[in-house]
Amino acid sequence: MIEASLAGRRAFILENTRLQAPPHTPELRLHLADEITPIWTLTEEALAEIGLPPPFWAFAWAGGQALARYILDTPEIVAGKRVIDFASGSGLVAIAAMRAGAASVLAADIDVFCEAAIGLNAAANGVEVAFTETDLLDAPPPVGPPFGADVLLAGDICYERPMAEAVMAWLGLGRAAGATVLVGDPGRTYFPKDGLVKLAEYQVPTTRELEDMAVKRTSVWTLP
């Protein structure tokens, strides 16, 4: 049984991952799982039996890689600004924002294992990232002056229709309140392109263990 503490979750992550560079952001390093490690061979049923959510935090998903790449190549998007990374997972996008000069980044994810993963990954990249497990969808986006965020980031958030609709509506409220909104998506079924503007497109190396192809055409979008 995994220890139900932050230290226990960190120990589990260190035991079941390897510090490595995501293919599309070689300047960053994350604690990621290899396909052959125990964390991948566990089925979702087995994970549920031991109280562990599916380890989405253990992989650098294509949408997050594309969004992180765009931020690193276009640092003025976040430089000196307060940023929220929604459904942060491994913290890849949040870490990229800090490396690009953000004043602060809040990584939000309802999976408490992400707190441990993001802490380890931020330390590996020499940055500090704040974390919240609060479901931000339960309230309007905390954006705008004097203390709200200036930029909302979200990578790979359109796996399921209800989630995609809820997140895009929430991001829309953030944009209406004045925040810059960027979304990374590799062509998920429920991603709504209408009303968005494409900023960049990448060919992101991935794995067939995670995706339906070895390279995913992945885009970064903004709400105008």
C-alpha atoms as a PDB file:
ATOM      1  CA  MET A   1       0.000   0.000   0.000  1.00  0.00           C
ATOM      2  CA  ILE A   2       1.254   3.461  -0.878  1.00  0.00           C
ATOM      3  CA  GLU A   3       1.683   5.726   2.129  1.00  0.00           C
ATOM      4  CA  ALA A   4      -1.149   8.257   2.190  1.00  0.00           C
ATOM      5  CA  SER A   5       1.141  11.241   2.665  1.00  0.00           C
ATOM      6  CA  LEU A   6       2.982  13.687   0.456  1.00  0.00           C
ATOM      7  CA  ALA A   7       6.255  11.957   1.351  1.00  0.00           C
ATOM      8  CA  GLY A   8       4.744   8.586   0.500  1.00  0.00           C
ATOM      9  CA  ARG A   9       3.504   9.812  -2.855  1.00  0.00           C
ATOM     10  CA  ARG A  10       6.904  11.309  -3.640  1.00  0.00           C
ATOM     11  CA  ALA A  11       8.572   8.014  -2.776  1.00  0.00           C
ATOM     12  CA  PHE A  12       6.188   6.133  -5.072  1.00  0.00           C
ATOM     13  CA  ILE A  13       6.898   8.527  -7.935  1.00  0.00           C
ATOM     14  CA  LEU A  14      10.666   8.293  -7.502  1.00  0.00           C
ATOM     15  CA  GLU A  15      10.452   4.495  -7.417  1.00  0.00           C
ATOM     16  CA  ASN A  16       8.319   4.187 -10.550  1.00  0.00           C
ATOM     17  CA  THR A  17       9.632   6.934 -12.842  1.00  0.00           C
ATOM     18  CA  ARG A  18      12.868   8.097 -14.412  1.00  0.00           C
ATOM     19  CA  LEU A  19      14.128  11.672 -14.760  1.00  0.00           C
ATOM     20  CA  GLN A  20      14.119  12.348 -18.497  1.00  0.00           C
ATOM     21  CA  ALA A  21      13.474  15.022 -21.120  1.00  0.00           C
ATOM     22  CA  PRO A  22      10.121  15.089 -22.944  1.00  0.00           C
ATOM     23  CA  PRO A  23      10.782  14.759 -26.713  1.00  0.00           C
ATOM     24  CA  HIS A  24       9.399  18.194 -27.641  1.00  0.00           C
ATOM     25  CA  THR A  25      10.915  20.111 -24.721  1.00  0.00           C
ATOM     26  CA  PRO A  26      14.461  18.746 -24.402  1.00  0.00           C
ATOM     27  CA  GLU A  27      15.525  21.639 -22.173  1.00  0.00           C
ATOM     28  CA  LEU A  28      13.210  20.405 -19.398  1.00  0.00           C
ATOM     29  CA  ARG A  29      13.417  17.252 -17.303  1.00  0.00           C
ATOM     30  CA  LEU A  30      10.532  15.419 -15.669  1.00  0.00           C
ATOM     31  CA  HIS A  31      10.043  12.307 -13.591  1.00  0.00           C
ATOM     32  CA  LEU A  32       8.207  10.227 -16.212  1.00  0.00           C
ATOM     33  CA  ALA A  33       7.229   6.578 -16.433  1.00  0.00           C
ATOM     34  CA  ASP A  34       8.615   4.277 -19.095  1.00  0.00           C
ATOM     35  CA  GLU A  35       6.158   1.842 -20.672  1.00  0.00           C
ATOM     36  CA  ILE A  36       7.975  -1.082 -19.079  1.00  0.00           C
ATOM     37  CA  THR A  37       7.766   0.223 -15.524  1.00  0.00           C
ATOM     38  CA  PRO A  38       5.300  -1.140 -12.966  1.00  0.00           C
ATOM     39  CA  ILE A  39       3.272   2.059 -13.020  1.00  0.00           C
ATOM     40  CA  TRP A  40       2.277   1.385 -16.647  1.00  0.00           C
ATOM     41  CA  THR A  41       1.669  -2.354 -16.325  1.00  0.00           C
ATOM     42  CA  LEU A  42      -0.836  -1.789 -13.522  1.00  0.00           C
ATOM     43  CA  THR A  43      -4.384  -1.798 -14.887  1.00  0.00           C
ATOM     44  CA  GLU A  44      -6.831   0.897 -13.888  1.00  0.00           C
ATOM     45  CA  GLU A  45      -8.669  -1.725 -11.823  1.00  0.00           C
ATOM     46  CA  ALA A  46      -5.534  -2.612  -9.893  1.00  0.00           C
ATOM     47  CA  LEU A  47      -4.721   1.043  -9.387  1.00  0.00           C
ATOM     48  CA  ALA A  48      -8.192   1.620  -7.993  1.00  0.00           C
ATOM     49  CA  GLU A  49      -7.784  -1.273  -5.562  1.00  0.00           C
ATOM     50  CA  ILE A  50      -4.743   0.360  -3.986  1.00  0.00           C
ATOM     51  CA  GLY A  51      -6.301   3.808  -3.996  1.00  0.00           C
ATOM     52  CA  LEU A  52      -4.189   5.307  -6.785  1.00  0.00           C
ATOM     53  CA  PRO A  53      -5.777   7.322  -9.607  1.00  0.00           C
ATOM     54  CA  PRO A  54      -4.606   6.549 -13.158  1.00  0.00           C
ATOM     55  CA  PRO A  55      -1.137   8.125 -13.378  1.00  0.00           C
ATOM     56  CA  PHE A  56      -1.759  10.831 -15.962  1.00  0.00           C
ATOM     57  CA  TRP A  57       0.948  12.829 -14.178  1.00  0.00           C
ATOM     58  CA  ALA A  58       3.539  10.227 -15.164  1.00  0.00           C
ATOM     59  CA  PHE A  59       3.490  11.031 -18.888  1.00  0.00           C
ATOM     60  CA  ALA A  60       4.174  14.082 -21.047  1.00  0.00           C
ATOM     61  CA  TRP A  61       1.016  14.237 -23.159  1.00  0.00           C
ATOM     62  CA  ALA A  62       1.134  15.723 -26.643  1.00  0.00           C
ATOM     63  CA  GLY A  63      -1.061  18.755 -25.891  1.00  0.00           C
ATOM     64  CA  GLY A  64       1.058  19.702 -22.918  1.00  0.00           C
ATOM     65  CA  GLN A  65       4.284  19.258 -24.853  1.00  0.00           C
ATOM     66  CA  ALA A  66       3.050  21.534 -27.640  1.00  0.00           C
ATOM     67  CA  LEU A  67       1.835  24.187 -25.218  1.00  0.00           C
ATOM     68  CA  ALA A  68       5.089  24.068 -23.254  1.00  0.00           C
ATOM     69  CA  ARG A  69       7.083  24.380 -26.488  1.00  0.00           C
ATOM     70  CA  TYR A  70       5.067  27.409 -27.562  1.00  0.00           C
ATOM     71  CA  ILE A  71       5.558  29.101 -24.192  1.00  0.00           C
ATOM     72  CA  LEU A  72       9.305  28.474 -24.202  1.00  0.00           C
ATOM     73  CA  ASP A  73       9.584  29.841 -27.749  1.00  0.00           C
ATOM     74  CA  THR A  74       7.251  32.793 -27.066  1.00  0.00           C
ATOM     75  CA  PRO A  75       8.137  33.811 -23.506  1.00  0.00           C
ATOM     76  CA  GLU A  76       6.494  37.217 -23.774  1.00  0.00           C
ATOM     77  CA  ILE A  77       3.138  35.436 -23.440  1.00  0.00           C
ATOM     78  CA  VAL A  78       3.836  34.754 -19.766  1.00  0.00           C
ATOM     79  CA  ALA A  79       6.881  36.864 -18.821  1.00  0.00           C
ATOM     80  CA  GLY A  80       6.222  38.866 -15.664  1.00  0.00           C
ATOM     81  CA  LYS A  81       2.635  37.580 -15.453  1.00  0.00           C
ATOM     82  CA  ARG A  82       0.613  35.492 -13.032  1.00  0.00           C
ATOM     83  CA  VAL A  83      -0.319  32.170 -14.577  1.00  0.00           C
ATOM     84  CA  ILE A  84      -2.700  29.295 -13.805  1.00  0.00           C
ATOM     85  CA  ASP A  85      -2.036  25.912 -15.403  1.00  0.00           C
ATOM     86  CA  PHE A  86      -5.324  23.995 -15.337  1.00  0.00           C
ATOM     87  CA  ALA A  87      -5.222  20.171 -15.031  1.00  0.00           C
ATOM     88  CA  SER A  88      -1.479  20.433 -14.692  1.00  0.00           C
ATOM     89  CA  GLY A  89      -0.613  16.726 -14.458  1.00  0.00           C
ATOM     90  CA  SER A  90       3.169  16.427 -14.454  1.00  0.00           C
ATOM     91  CA  GLY A  91       3.529  20.205 -14.290  1.00  0.00           C
ATOM     92  CA  LEU A  92       5.239  20.381 -17.683  1.00  0.00           C
ATOM     93  CA  VAL A  93       3.337  23.485 -18.839  1.00  0.00           C
ATOM     94  CA  ALA A  94       3.600  25.186 -15.450  1.00  0.00           C
ATOM     95  CA  ILE A  95       7.355  24.602 -15.351  1.00  0.00           C
ATOM     96  CA  ALA A  96       7.741  25.907 -18.903  1.00  0.00           C
ATOM     97  CA  ALA A  97       5.892  29.072 -17.887  1.00  0.00           C
ATOM     98  CA  MET A  98       8.223  29.641 -14.946  1.00  0.00           C
ATOM     99  CA  ARG A  99      11.265  29.008 -17.107  1.00  0.00           C
ATOM    100  CA  ALA A 100       9.856  31.557 -19.579  1.00  0.00           C
ATOM    101  CA  GLY A 101       9.796  34.235 -16.891  1.00  0.00           C
ATOM    102  CA  ALA A 102       6.319  34.102 -15.366  1.00  0.00           C
ATOM    103  CA  ALA A 103       6.012  36.033 -12.116  1.00  0.00           C
ATOM    104  CA  SER A 104       4.177  33.104 -10.549  1.00  0.00           C
ATOM    105  CA  VAL A 105       2.431  29.914 -11.609  1.00  0.00           C
ATOM    106  CA  LEU A 106      -0.356  28.066  -9.845  1.00  0.00           C
ATOM    107  CA  ALA A 107      -0.669  24.446 -11.008  1.00  0.00           C
ATOM    108  CA  ALA A 108      -4.184  23.105 -10.455  1.00  0.00           C
ATOM    109  CA  ASP A 109      -5.142  19.426 -10.493  1.00  0.00           C
ATOM    110  CA  ILE A 110      -7.656  17.421  -8.485  1.00  0.00           C
ATOM    111  CA  ASP A 111      -5.271  14.412  -8.325  1.00  0.00           C
ATOM    112  CA  VAL A 112      -3.209  14.864  -5.162  1.00  0.00           C
ATOM    113  CA  PHE A 113      -0.394  12.785  -6.691  1.00  0.00           C
ATOM    114  CA  CYS A 114       0.179  15.770  -8.971  1.00  0.00           C
ATOM    115  CA  GLU A 115       1.279  17.806  -5.964  1.00  0.00           C
ATOM    116  CA  ALA A 116       4.118  15.359  -5.380  1.00  0.00           C
ATOM    117  CA  ALA A 117       4.974  15.028  -9.079  1.00  0.00           C
ATOM    118  CA  ILE A 118       4.946  18.769  -9.731  1.00  0.00           C
ATOM    119  CA  GLY A 119       7.055  19.455  -6.669  1.00  0.00           C
ATOM    120  CA  LEU A 120       9.687  16.949  -7.761  1.00  0.00           C
ATOM    121  CA  ASN A 121       9.614  18.138 -11.372  1.00  0.00           C
ATOM    122  CA  ALA A 122       9.789  21.824 -10.475  1.00  0.00           C
ATOM    123  CA  ALA A 123      12.811  21.158  -8.258  1.00  0.00           C
ATOM    124  CA  ALA A 124      14.494  19.225 -11.069  1.00  0.00           C
ATOM    125  CA  ASN A 125      14.163  22.324 -13.261  1.00  0.00           C
ATOM    126  CA  GLY A 126      15.178  24.879 -10.663  1.00  0.00           C
ATOM    127  CA  VAL A 127      11.815  26.635 -10.379  1.00  0.00           C
ATOM    128  CA  GLU A 128       9.031  26.972  -7.829  1.00  0.00           C
ATOM    129  CA  VAL A 129       5.418  26.210  -8.740  1.00  0.00           C
ATOM    130  CA  ALA A 130       2.475  26.604  -6.368  1.00  0.00           C
ATOM    131  CA  PHE A 131      -0.154  23.839  -6.324  1.00  0.00           C
ATOM    132  CA  THR A 132      -3.847  23.526  -5.537  1.00  0.00           C
ATOM    133  CA  GLU A 133      -6.054  20.434  -5.564  1.00  0.00           C
ATOM    134  CA  THR A 134      -9.179  22.614  -5.504  1.00  0.00           C
ATOM    135  CA  ASP A 135     -11.495  21.982  -8.446  1.00  0.00           C
ATOM    136  CA  LEU A 136     -11.334  25.398 -10.082  1.00  0.00           C
ATOM    137  CA  LEU A 137     -14.403  24.615 -12.172  1.00  0.00           C
ATOM    138  CA  ASP A 138     -16.547  25.074  -9.080  1.00  0.00           C
ATOM    139  CA  ALA A 139     -16.117  28.864  -9.254  1.00  0.00           C
ATOM    140  CA  PRO A 140     -15.421  31.546 -11.864  1.00  0.00           C
ATOM    141  CA  PRO A 141     -11.765  31.736 -12.942  1.00  0.00           C
ATOM    142  CA  PRO A 142      -9.655  33.708 -10.429  1.00  0.00           C
ATOM    143  CA  VAL A 143      -8.376  36.211 -12.975  1.00  0.00           C
ATOM    144  CA  GLY A 144      -7.832  39.936 -13.262  1.00  0.00           C
ATOM    145  CA  PRO A 145      -6.558  42.661 -10.931  1.00  0.00           C
ATOM    146  CA  PRO A 146      -5.558  43.083  -8.265  1.00  0.00           C
ATOM    147  CA  PHE A 147      -4.533  39.526  -7.358  1.00  0.00           C
ATOM    148  CA  GLY A 148      -5.968  37.265 -10.062  1.00  0.00           C
ATOM    149  CA  ALA A 149      -4.162  35.483 -12.875  1.00  0.00           C
ATOM    150  CA  ASP A 150      -3.246  37.136 -16.160  1.00  0.00           C
ATOM    151  CA  VAL A 151      -2.897  33.921 -18.183  1.00  0.00           C
ATOM    152  CA  LEU A 152      -4.818  30.624 -18.183  1.00  0.00           C
ATOM    153  CA  LEU A 153      -3.118  27.561 -19.687  1.00  0.00           C
ATOM    154  CA  ALA A 154      -4.628  24.140 -20.388  1.00  0.00           C
ATOM    155  CA  GLY A 155      -3.136  21.170 -22.210  1.00  0.00           C
ATOM    156  CA  ASP A 156      -5.001  18.010 -23.209  1.00  0.00           C
ATOM    157  CA  ILE A 157      -8.298  18.711 -21.474  1.00  0.00           C
ATOM    158  CA  CYS A 158     -10.765  17.421 -24.084  1.00  0.00           C
ATOM    159  CA  TYR A 159     -10.823  13.642 -23.569  1.00  0.00           C
ATOM    160  CA  GLU A 160     -14.498  13.504 -22.618  1.00  0.00           C
ATOM    161  CA  ARG A 161     -17.396  15.643 -23.796  1.00  0.00           C
ATOM    162  CA  PRO A 162     -18.711  16.850 -20.389  1.00  0.00           C
ATOM    163  CA  MET A 163     -15.213  17.743 -19.205  1.00  0.00           C
ATOM    164  CA  ALA A 164     -14.326  19.459 -22.474  1.00  0.00           C
ATOM    165  CA  GLU A 165     -17.506  21.539 -22.436  1.00  0.00           C
ATOM    166  CA  ALA A 166     -17.074  22.505 -18.785  1.00  0.00           C
ATOM    167  CA  VAL A 167     -13.421  23.493 -19.147  1.00  0.00           C
ATOM    168  CA  MET A 168     -13.925  25.445 -22.361  1.00  0.00           C
ATOM    169  CA  ALA A 169     -16.829  27.341 -20.788  1.00  0.00           C
ATOM    170  CA  TRP A 170     -14.654  28.120 -17.751  1.00  0.00           C
ATOM    171  CA  LEU A 171     -11.803  29.286 -19.951  1.00  0.00           C
ATOM    172  CA  GLY A 172     -14.262  31.433 -21.883  1.00  0.00           C
ATOM    173  CA  LEU A 173     -15.255  33.174 -18.650  1.00  0.00           C
ATOM    174  CA  GLY A 174     -11.586  33.777 -17.936  1.00  0.00           C
ATOM    175  CA  ARG A 175     -11.073  35.331 -21.351  1.00  0.00           C
ATOM    176  CA  ALA A 176     -14.133  37.532 -20.903  1.00  0.00           C
ATOM    177  CA  ALA A 177     -12.619  38.756 -17.630  1.00  0.00           C
ATOM    178  CA  GLY A 178      -9.457  39.797 -19.434  1.00  0.00           C
ATOM    179  CA  ALA A 179      -7.112  36.818 -19.120  1.00  0.00           C
ATOM    180  CA  THR A 180      -5.057  35.453 -22.004  1.00  0.00           C
ATOM    181  CA  VAL A 181      -6.098  31.828 -22.667  1.00  0.00           C
ATOM    182  CA  LEU A 182      -3.920  29.204 -24.376  1.00  0.00           C
ATOM    183  CA  VAL A 183      -4.922  25.601 -25.013  1.00  0.00           C
ATOM    184  CA  GLY A 184      -2.795  22.735 -26.341  1.00  0.00           C
ATOM    185  CA  ASP A 185      -4.671  19.923 -28.095  1.00  0.00           C
ATOM    186  CA  PRO A 186      -3.640  17.012 -30.357  1.00  0.00           C
ATOM    187  CA  GLY A 187      -6.955  16.728 -32.176  1.00  0.00           C
ATOM    188  CA  ARG A 188      -9.052  15.170 -29.427  1.00  0.00           C
ATOM    189  CA  THR A 189     -12.577  14.275 -30.461  1.00  0.00           C
ATOM    190  CA  TYR A 190     -14.277  16.781 -28.185  1.00  0.00           C
ATOM    191  CA  PHE A 191     -12.006  19.753 -28.774  1.00  0.00           C
ATOM    192  CA  PRO A 192     -14.132  22.646 -30.139  1.00  0.00           C
ATOM    193  CA  LYS A 193     -12.192  24.563 -32.781  1.00  0.00           C
ATOM    194  CA  ASP A 194     -15.007  27.007 -33.459  1.00  0.00           C
ATOM    195  CA  GLY A 195     -14.304  30.416 -31.986  1.00  0.00           C
ATOM    196  CA  LEU A 196     -10.627  29.713 -31.364  1.00  0.00           C
ATOM    197  CA  VAL A 197      -7.538  30.950 -33.198  1.00  0.00           C
ATOM    198  CA  LYS A 198      -4.650  28.617 -33.968  1.00  0.00           C
ATOM    199  CA  LEU A 199      -1.287  30.026 -32.921  1.00  0.00           C
ATOM    200  CA  ALA A 200       1.052  27.165 -33.790  1.00  0.00           C
ATOM    201  CA  GLU A 201       1.150  23.558 -34.952  1.00  0.00           C
ATOM    202  CA  TYR A 202       3.748  20.928 -34.074  1.00  0.00           C
ATOM    203  CA  GLN A 203       4.551  17.330 -34.836  1.00  0.00           C
ATOM    204  CA  VAL A 204       4.974  15.933 -31.340  1.00  0.00           C
ATOM    205  CA  PRO A 205       6.707  12.579 -30.816  1.00  0.00           C
ATOM    206  CA  THR A 206       4.701  10.314 -28.538  1.00  0.00           C
ATOM    207  CA  THR A 207       4.220   6.573 -28.138  1.00  0.00           C
ATOM    208  CA  ARG A 208       1.614   4.127 -29.355  1.00  0.00           C
ATOM    209  CA  GLU A 209       1.219   2.981 -25.771  1.00  0.00           C
ATOM    210  CA  LEU A 210      -0.400   6.357 -25.076  1.00  0.00           C
ATOM    211  CA  GLU A 211      -1.705   7.517 -28.431  1.00  0.00           C
ATOM    212  CA  ASP A 212      -2.935   6.104 -31.734  1.00  0.00           C
ATOM    213  CA  MET A 213       0.253   7.101 -33.570  1.00  0.00           C
ATOM    214  CA  ALA A 214       3.937   7.686 -32.865  1.00  0.00           C
ATOM    215  CA  VAL A 215       3.782  11.370 -33.851  1.00  0.00           C
ATOM    216  CA  LYS A 216       0.758  13.542 -33.117  1.00  0.00           C
ATOM    217  CA  ARG A 217      -0.063  16.724 -35.020  1.00  0.00           C
ATOM    218  CA  THR A 218      -0.744  19.027 -32.114  1.00  0.00           C
ATOM    219  CA  SER A 219      -1.818  22.661 -32.073  1.00  0.00           C
ATOM    220  CA  VAL A 220      -1.833  25.576 -29.675  1.00  0.00           C
ATOM    221  CA  TRP A 221      -4.968  27.689 -29.698  1.00  0.00           C
ATOM    222  CA  THR A 222      -6.126  30.922 -28.100  1.00  0.00           C
ATOM    223  CA  LEU A 223      -9.492  32.467 -27.337  1.00  0.00           C
ATOM    224  CA  PRO A 224      -9.586  35.815 -29.180  1.00  0.00           C
END
